[in-house]
Amino acid sequence: MKEALKKVKKLVSAGRKDEAKKLIPAAYQAIDKAAKRGVIKQNTAARKKSRLMKLLNK
């Protein structure tokens, strides 16, 4: 999960938002899987997804 988030954040900071948008589904999948298995709580997962989209739409 952390890897997927880092990849997206790195691409956004480099100004390559189009490539970052392609990685969003994989990042969401990783976050949802972690929440489903109890690694993180549901609210934490929702917050991470929200902040990721906020960063991308900035």
PDB file of N, CA and C in Angstrom:
ATOM      1  N   MET A   1       0.822  -1.184   0.000  1.00  0.00           N
ATOM      2  CA  MET A   1       0.000   0.000   0.000  1.00  0.00           C
ATOM      3  C   MET A   1       0.872   1.256   0.000  1.00  0.00           C
ATOM      4  N   LYS A   2       1.877   1.267   0.861  1.00  0.00           N
ATOM      5  CA  LYS A   2       2.737   2.445   0.946  1.00  0.00           C
ATOM      6  C   LYS A   2       3.478   2.686  -0.364  1.00  0.00           C
ATOM      7  N   GLU A   3       3.849   1.594  -1.018  1.00  0.00           N
ATOM      8  CA  GLU A   3       4.561   1.714  -2.290  1.00  0.00           C
ATOM      9  C   GLU A   3       3.698   2.387  -3.346  1.00  0.00           C
ATOM     10  N   ALA A   4       2.450   1.978  -3.425  1.00  0.00           N
ATOM     11  CA  ALA A   4       1.530   2.542  -4.416  1.00  0.00           C
ATOM     12  C   ALA A   4       1.320   4.030  -4.155  1.00  0.00           C
ATOM     13  N   LEU A   5       1.176   4.392  -2.887  1.00  0.00           N
ATOM     14  CA  LEU A   5       0.988   5.801  -2.544  1.00  0.00           C
ATOM     15  C   LEU A   5       2.230   6.616  -2.881  1.00  0.00           C
ATOM     16  N   LYS A   6       3.393   6.061  -2.588  1.00  0.00           N
ATOM     17  CA  LYS A   6       4.641   6.763  -2.872  1.00  0.00           C
ATOM     18  C   LYS A   6       4.825   7.001  -4.364  1.00  0.00           C
ATOM     19  N   LYS A   7       4.481   5.998  -5.177  1.00  0.00           N
ATOM     20  CA  LYS A   7       4.618   6.139  -6.624  1.00  0.00           C
ATOM     21  C   LYS A   7       3.755   7.279  -7.144  1.00  0.00           C
ATOM     22  N   VAL A   8       2.511   7.331  -6.681  1.00  0.00           N
ATOM     23  CA  VAL A   8       1.594   8.381  -7.130  1.00  0.00           C
ATOM     24  C   VAL A   8       2.100   9.746  -6.674  1.00  0.00           C
ATOM     25  N   LYS A   9       2.505   9.853  -5.418  1.00  0.00           N
ATOM     26  CA  LYS A   9       2.987  11.132  -4.890  1.00  0.00           C
ATOM     27  C   LYS A   9       4.237  11.604  -5.622  1.00  0.00           C
ATOM     28  N   LYS A  10       5.125  10.673  -5.953  1.00  0.00           N
ATOM     29  CA  LYS A  10       6.350  11.028  -6.657  1.00  0.00           C
ATOM     30  C   LYS A  10       6.038  11.568  -8.053  1.00  0.00           C
ATOM     31  N   LEU A  11       5.106  10.924  -8.747  1.00  0.00           N
ATOM     32  CA  LEU A  11       4.729  11.376 -10.086  1.00  0.00           C
ATOM     33  C   LEU A  11       4.065  12.748 -10.040  1.00  0.00           C
ATOM     34  N   VAL A  12       3.215  12.975  -9.051  1.00  0.00           N
ATOM     35  CA  VAL A  12       2.539  14.269  -8.929  1.00  0.00           C
ATOM     36  C   VAL A  12       3.557  15.367  -8.643  1.00  0.00           C
ATOM     37  N   SER A  13       4.510  15.097  -7.765  1.00  0.00           N
ATOM     38  CA  SER A  13       5.513  16.113  -7.436  1.00  0.00           C
ATOM     39  C   SER A  13       6.432  16.399  -8.618  1.00  0.00           C
ATOM     40  N   ALA A  14       6.576  15.411  -9.517  1.00  0.00           N
ATOM     41  CA  ALA A  14       7.389  15.613 -10.716  1.00  0.00           C
ATOM     42  C   ALA A  14       6.593  16.295 -11.825  1.00  0.00           C
ATOM     43  N   GLY A  15       5.289  16.506 -11.586  1.00  0.00           N
ATOM     44  CA  GLY A  15       4.460  17.188 -12.569  1.00  0.00           C
ATOM     45  C   GLY A  15       3.872  16.269 -13.627  1.00  0.00           C
ATOM     46  N   ARG A  16       3.936  14.964 -13.402  1.00  0.00           N
ATOM     47  CA  ARG A  16       3.418  14.001 -14.389  1.00  0.00           C
ATOM     48  C   ARG A  16       2.082  13.449 -13.894  1.00  0.00           C
ATOM     49  N   LYS A  17       1.065  14.329 -13.882  1.00  0.00           N
ATOM     50  CA  LYS A  17      -0.244  13.968 -13.336  1.00  0.00           C
ATOM     51  C   LYS A  17      -0.976  12.946 -14.191  1.00  0.00           C
ATOM     52  N   ASP A  18      -0.751  12.960 -15.503  1.00  0.00           N
ATOM     53  CA  ASP A  18      -1.424  11.988 -16.373  1.00  0.00           C
ATOM     54  C   ASP A  18      -1.001  10.564 -16.024  1.00  0.00           C
ATOM     55  N   GLU A  19       0.283  10.381 -15.778  1.00  0.00           N
ATOM     56  CA  GLU A  19       0.777   9.058 -15.401  1.00  0.00           C
ATOM     57  C   GLU A  19       0.290   8.674 -14.007  1.00  0.00           C
ATOM     58  N   ALA A  20       0.200   9.665 -13.125  1.00  0.00           N
ATOM     59  CA  ALA A  20      -0.264   9.402 -11.762  1.00  0.00           C
ATOM     60  C   ALA A  20      -1.725   8.956 -11.773  1.00  0.00           C
ATOM     61  N   LYS A  21      -2.529   9.545 -12.666  1.00  0.00           N
ATOM     62  CA  LYS A  21      -3.944   9.168 -12.747  1.00  0.00           C
ATOM     63  C   LYS A  21      -4.112   7.711 -13.141  1.00  0.00           C
ATOM     64  N   LYS A  22      -3.176   7.186 -13.910  1.00  0.00           N
ATOM     65  CA  LYS A  22      -3.250   5.785 -14.324  1.00  0.00           C
ATOM     66  C   LYS A  22      -2.965   4.839 -13.159  1.00  0.00           C
ATOM     67  N   LEU A  23      -2.237   5.323 -12.160  1.00  0.00           N
ATOM     68  CA  LEU A  23      -1.888   4.486 -11.008  1.00  0.00           C
ATOM     69  C   LEU A  23      -2.905   4.568  -9.866  1.00  0.00           C
ATOM     70  N   ILE A  24      -3.858   5.489  -9.981  1.00  0.00           N
ATOM     71  CA  ILE A  24      -4.858   5.664  -8.924  1.00  0.00           C
ATOM     72  C   ILE A  24      -5.647   4.382  -8.639  1.00  0.00           C
ATOM     73  N   PRO A  25      -6.146   3.672  -9.664  1.00  0.00           N
ATOM     74  CA  PRO A  25      -6.899   2.442  -9.357  1.00  0.00           C
ATOM     75  C   PRO A  25      -6.084   1.412  -8.569  1.00  0.00           C
ATOM     76  N   ALA A  26      -4.818   1.275  -8.882  1.00  0.00           N
ATOM     77  CA  ALA A  26      -3.969   0.327  -8.159  1.00  0.00           C
ATOM     78  C   ALA A  26      -3.766   0.782  -6.712  1.00  0.00           C
ATOM     79  N   ALA A  27      -3.610   2.081  -6.513  1.00  0.00           N
ATOM     80  CA  ALA A  27      -3.439   2.611  -5.162  1.00  0.00           C
ATOM     81  C   ALA A  27      -4.718   2.409  -4.348  1.00  0.00           C
ATOM     82  N   TYR A  28      -5.867   2.686  -4.965  1.00  0.00           N
ATOM     83  CA  TYR A  28      -7.149   2.485  -4.287  1.00  0.00           C
ATOM     84  C   TYR A  28      -7.339   1.017  -3.919  1.00  0.00           C
ATOM     85  N   GLN A  29      -6.958   0.139  -4.823  1.00  0.00           N
ATOM     86  CA  GLN A  29      -7.106  -1.295  -4.574  1.00  0.00           C
ATOM     87  C   GLN A  29      -6.246  -1.714  -3.379  1.00  0.00           C
ATOM     88  N   ALA A  30      -5.028  -1.204  -3.323  1.00  0.00           N
ATOM     89  CA  ALA A  30      -4.130  -1.541  -2.216  1.00  0.00           C
ATOM     90  C   ALA A  30      -4.669  -1.007  -0.891  1.00  0.00           C
ATOM     91  N   ILE A  31      -5.201   0.207  -0.908  1.00  0.00           N
ATOM     92  CA  ILE A  31      -5.760   0.802   0.308  1.00  0.00           C
ATOM     93  C   ILE A  31      -6.975   0.003   0.773  1.00  0.00           C
ATOM     94  N   ASP A  32      -7.858  -0.329  -0.165  1.00  0.00           N
ATOM     95  CA  ASP A  32      -9.062  -1.087   0.185  1.00  0.00           C
ATOM     96  C   ASP A  32      -8.727  -2.475   0.717  1.00  0.00           C
ATOM     97  N   LYS A  33      -7.726  -3.099   0.128  1.00  0.00           N
ATOM     98  CA  LYS A  33      -7.325  -4.434   0.576  1.00  0.00           C
ATOM     99  C   LYS A  33      -6.774  -4.371   2.005  1.00  0.00           C
ATOM    100  N   ALA A  34      -5.982  -3.341   2.299  1.00  0.00           N
ATOM    101  CA  ALA A  34      -5.429  -3.184   3.642  1.00  0.00           C
ATOM    102  C   ALA A  34      -6.548  -2.959   4.654  1.00  0.00           C
ATOM    103  N   ALA A  35      -7.551  -2.177   4.270  1.00  0.00           N
ATOM    104  CA  ALA A  35      -8.675  -1.915   5.174  1.00  0.00           C
ATOM    105  C   ALA A  35      -9.505  -3.176   5.381  1.00  0.00           C
ATOM    106  N   LYS A  36      -9.696  -3.934   4.326  1.00  0.00           N
ATOM    107  CA  LYS A  36     -10.501  -5.155   4.411  1.00  0.00           C
ATOM    108  C   LYS A  36      -9.849  -6.184   5.329  1.00  0.00           C
ATOM    109  N   ARG A  37      -8.537  -6.253   5.284  1.00  0.00           N
ATOM    110  CA  ARG A  37      -7.817  -7.240   6.097  1.00  0.00           C
ATOM    111  C   ARG A  37      -7.504  -6.747   7.503  1.00  0.00           C
ATOM    112  N   GLY A  38      -7.882  -5.507   7.805  1.00  0.00           N
ATOM    113  CA  GLY A  38      -7.705  -4.995   9.154  1.00  0.00           C
ATOM    114  C   GLY A  38      -6.348  -4.376   9.419  1.00  0.00           C
ATOM    115  N   VAL A  39      -5.567  -4.163   8.383  1.00  0.00           N
ATOM    116  CA  VAL A  39      -4.255  -3.532   8.561  1.00  0.00           C
ATOM    117  C   VAL A  39      -4.443  -2.067   8.951  1.00  0.00           C
ATOM    118  N   ILE A  40      -5.398  -1.414   8.297  1.00  0.00           N
ATOM    119  CA  ILE A  40      -5.776  -0.045   8.652  1.00  0.00           C
ATOM    120  C   ILE A  40      -7.293  -0.013   8.827  1.00  0.00           C
ATOM    121  N   LYS A  41      -7.787   1.000   9.516  1.00  0.00           N
ATOM    122  CA  LYS A  41      -9.227   1.115   9.727  1.00  0.00           C
ATOM    123  C   LYS A  41      -9.901   1.705   8.492  1.00  0.00           C
ATOM    124  N   GLN A  42     -11.211   1.514   8.403  1.00  0.00           N
ATOM    125  CA  GLN A  42     -11.976   1.989   7.244  1.00  0.00           C
ATOM    126  C   GLN A  42     -11.869   3.507   7.085  1.00  0.00           C
ATOM    127  N   ASN A  43     -11.952   4.245   8.190  1.00  0.00           N
ATOM    128  CA  ASN A  43     -11.875   5.705   8.110  1.00  0.00           C
ATOM    129  C   ASN A  43     -10.498   6.162   7.644  1.00  0.00           C
ATOM    130  N   THR A  44      -9.469   5.455   8.064  1.00  0.00           N
ATOM    131  CA  THR A  44      -8.111   5.776   7.634  1.00  0.00           C
ATOM    132  C   THR A  44      -7.978   5.551   6.140  1.00  0.00           C
ATOM    133  N   ALA A  45      -8.570   4.476   5.651  1.00  0.00           N
ATOM    134  CA  ALA A  45      -8.535   4.180   4.217  1.00  0.00           C
ATOM    135  C   ALA A  45      -9.248   5.277   3.437  1.00  0.00           C
ATOM    136  N   ALA A  46     -10.403   5.688   3.925  1.00  0.00           N
ATOM    137  CA  ALA A  46     -11.163   6.743   3.249  1.00  0.00           C
ATOM    138  C   ALA A  46     -10.375   8.047   3.239  1.00  0.00           C
ATOM    139  N   ARG A  47      -9.712   8.340   4.346  1.00  0.00           N
ATOM    140  CA  ARG A  47      -8.925   9.569   4.438  1.00  0.00           C
ATOM    141  C   ARG A  47      -7.747   9.545   3.479  1.00  0.00           C
ATOM    142  N   LYS A  48      -7.075   8.404   3.368  1.00  0.00           N
ATOM    143  CA  LYS A  48      -5.938   8.280   2.453  1.00  0.00           C
ATOM    144  C   LYS A  48      -6.381   8.456   1.006  1.00  0.00           C
ATOM    145  N   LYS A  49      -7.513   7.853   0.645  1.00  0.00           N
ATOM    146  CA  LYS A  49      -8.018   7.969  -0.723  1.00  0.00           C
ATOM    147  C   LYS A  49      -8.422   9.409  -1.024  1.00  0.00           C
ATOM    148  N   SER A  50      -9.049  10.053  -0.058  1.00  0.00           N
ATOM    149  CA  SER A  50      -9.478  11.434  -0.234  1.00  0.00           C
ATOM    150  C   SER A  50      -8.282  12.365  -0.418  1.00  0.00           C
ATOM    151  N   ARG A  51      -7.277  12.194   0.404  1.00  0.00           N
ATOM    152  CA  ARG A  51      -6.092  13.050   0.313  1.00  0.00           C
ATOM    153  C   ARG A  51      -5.310  12.805  -0.971  1.00  0.00           C
ATOM    154  N   LEU A  52      -5.334  11.567  -1.436  1.00  0.00           N
ATOM    155  CA  LEU A  52      -4.655  11.240  -2.687  1.00  0.00           C
ATOM    156  C   LEU A  52      -5.320  11.962  -3.861  1.00  0.00           C
ATOM    157  N   MET A  53      -6.645  11.944  -3.902  1.00  0.00           N
ATOM    158  CA  MET A  53      -7.364  12.629  -4.977  1.00  0.00           C
ATOM    159  C   MET A  53      -7.209  14.140  -4.863  1.00  0.00           C
ATOM    160  N   LYS A  54      -7.195  14.644  -3.634  1.00  0.00           N
ATOM    161  CA  LYS A  54      -7.015  16.076  -3.412  1.00  0.00           C
ATOM    162  C   LYS A  54      -5.658  16.519  -3.943  1.00  0.00           C
ATOM    163  N   LEU A  55      -4.643  15.714  -3.702  1.00  0.00           N
ATOM    164  CA  LEU A  55      -3.295  16.003  -4.189  1.00  0.00           C
ATOM    165  C   LEU A  55      -3.254  15.997  -5.714  1.00  0.00           C
ATOM    166  N   LEU A  56      -3.952  15.052  -6.305  1.00  0.00           N
ATOM    167  CA  LEU A  56      -3.949  14.904  -7.753  1.00  0.00           C
ATOM    168  C   LEU A  56      -4.697  16.041  -8.439  1.00  0.00           C
ATOM    169  N   ASN A  57      -5.773  16.519  -7.827  1.00  0.00           N
ATOM    170  CA  ASN A  57      -6.592  17.576  -8.428  1.00  0.00           C
ATOM    171  C   ASN A  57      -6.092  18.975  -8.121  1.00  0.00           C
ATOM    172  N   LYS A  58      -5.043  19.087  -7.362  1.00  0.00           N
ATOM    173  CA  LYS A  58      -4.483  20.382  -6.960  1.00  0.00           C
ATOM    174  C   LYS A  58      -3.945  21.148  -8.134  1.00  0.00           C
TER     175      LYS A  58
END
